[in-house]
Amino acid sequence: DISTLDDLVKQKLFIRTVTYHCVGKVTKRMGAFVELSTASWVADSGKFSTAIADGTLSEVEYVGTMWVNLSSVVDFFPWKHDLPTKSK
């Protein structure tokens, strides 16, 4: 249940921003930014509904830790799968 931005902490998310997509676990919120651990930049999600439903991503680049500006977020979805830890 997400009622405030702080409720995002500990959530695994697939995030779509204006210019890119990523997946990761929110570890903290710092003002307008969230820190993601076990994060990957998603170069190609493949069929989006399949990616969300079963966690299959066509092309990802594992980056470890990243920060996302919430002002650039278009939408986000719960990620109910293991987070990718290798680039493919």
Protein backbone atom coordinates (compact mmCIF):
# COMPACT_ATOMS: atom_id res chain seq x y z
CA ASP A 1 0.00 0.00 0.00
CA ILE A 2 1.46 3.33 -1.04
CA SER A 3 -0.01 6.47 0.53
CA THR A 4 3.08 8.70 0.58
CA LEU A 5 6.41 8.76 -1.24
CA ASP A 6 8.08 7.34 1.86
CA ASP A 7 5.95 4.20 1.41
CA LEU A 8 8.05 3.44 -1.68
CA VAL A 9 10.98 2.45 0.57
CA LYS A 10 11.57 -1.33 0.51
CA GLN A 11 9.44 -1.70 -2.64
CA LYS A 12 10.81 -3.35 -5.78
CA LEU A 13 9.67 -1.28 -8.75
CA PHE A 14 9.75 -1.05 -12.52
CA ILE A 15 10.01 2.71 -13.12
CA ARG A 16 9.38 4.52 -16.39
CA THR A 17 10.79 8.04 -16.61
CA VAL A 18 10.53 10.53 -19.44
CA THR A 19 13.75 9.19 -21.01
CA TYR A 20 14.48 5.70 -19.64
CA HIS A 21 13.19 2.66 -17.73
CA CYS A 22 14.77 0.93 -14.73
CA VAL A 23 14.11 -1.70 -12.08
CA GLY A 24 15.38 -1.84 -8.53
CA LYS A 25 14.56 -1.81 -4.85
CA VAL A 26 13.93 1.58 -3.25
CA THR A 27 16.26 1.92 -0.27
CA LYS A 28 15.51 5.52 0.69
CA ARG A 29 13.92 8.76 -0.43
CA MET A 30 15.94 11.97 -0.37
CA GLY A 31 13.67 14.88 -1.23
CA ALA A 32 12.79 14.52 -4.91
CA PHE A 33 15.08 11.50 -5.38
CA VAL A 34 14.80 7.80 -4.57
CA GLU A 35 17.84 5.58 -4.21
CA LEU A 36 17.57 2.16 -5.86
CA SER A 37 19.71 -0.81 -4.93
CA THR A 38 20.17 -3.88 -7.13
CA ALA A 39 19.24 -1.51 -9.94
CA SER A 40 19.30 -2.02 -13.68
CA TRP A 41 18.74 0.27 -16.63
CA VAL A 42 16.21 -1.41 -18.93
CA ALA A 43 17.29 -0.86 -22.54
CA ASP A 44 14.48 -3.05 -23.92
CA SER A 45 11.64 -4.43 -21.84
CA GLY A 46 10.26 -6.51 -24.71
CA LYS A 47 6.49 -6.83 -24.58
CA PHE A 48 5.61 -4.65 -21.60
CA SER A 49 2.74 -6.75 -20.24
CA THR A 50 4.97 -9.85 -20.31
CA ALA A 51 7.77 -8.01 -18.51
CA ILE A 52 5.43 -6.97 -15.69
CA ALA A 53 3.61 -10.32 -15.51
CA ASP A 54 6.59 -12.69 -15.46
CA GLY A 55 9.73 -10.58 -15.11
CA THR A 56 11.15 -11.28 -18.58
CA LEU A 57 13.23 -8.36 -19.88
CA SER A 58 14.86 -8.40 -23.33
CA GLU A 59 17.88 -6.20 -22.57
CA VAL A 60 19.11 -4.84 -19.24
CA GLU A 61 22.32 -3.33 -17.93
CA TYR A 62 23.01 -3.97 -14.25
CA VAL A 63 24.26 -0.79 -12.54
CA GLY A 64 24.05 -1.65 -8.81
CA THR A 65 22.96 1.60 -7.15
CA MET A 66 21.23 4.50 -8.87
CA TRP A 67 19.19 7.56 -7.98
CA VAL A 68 16.01 8.53 -9.81
CA ASN A 69 14.55 12.02 -9.82
CA LEU A 70 10.86 11.59 -9.04
CA SER A 71 10.07 14.68 -11.12
CA SER A 72 11.02 12.68 -14.21
CA VAL A 73 8.89 9.62 -13.35
CA VAL A 74 5.94 8.99 -15.64
CA ASP A 75 4.68 5.87 -13.82
CA PHE A 76 5.89 2.85 -11.88
CA PHE A 77 4.75 -0.70 -11.28
CA PRO A 78 5.36 -3.26 -8.53
CA TRP A 79 8.14 -5.68 -9.53
CA LYS A 80 7.18 -9.08 -8.08
CA HIS A 81 10.18 -10.91 -9.53
CA ASP A 82 13.86 -11.33 -8.78
CA LEU A 83 15.80 -8.25 -9.76
CA PRO A 84 18.32 -8.77 -12.55
CA THR A 85 21.92 -8.79 -11.28
CA LYS A 86 23.67 -9.34 -14.62
CA SER A 87 23.58 -7.39 -17.86
CA LYS A 88 22.09 -9.09 -20.90
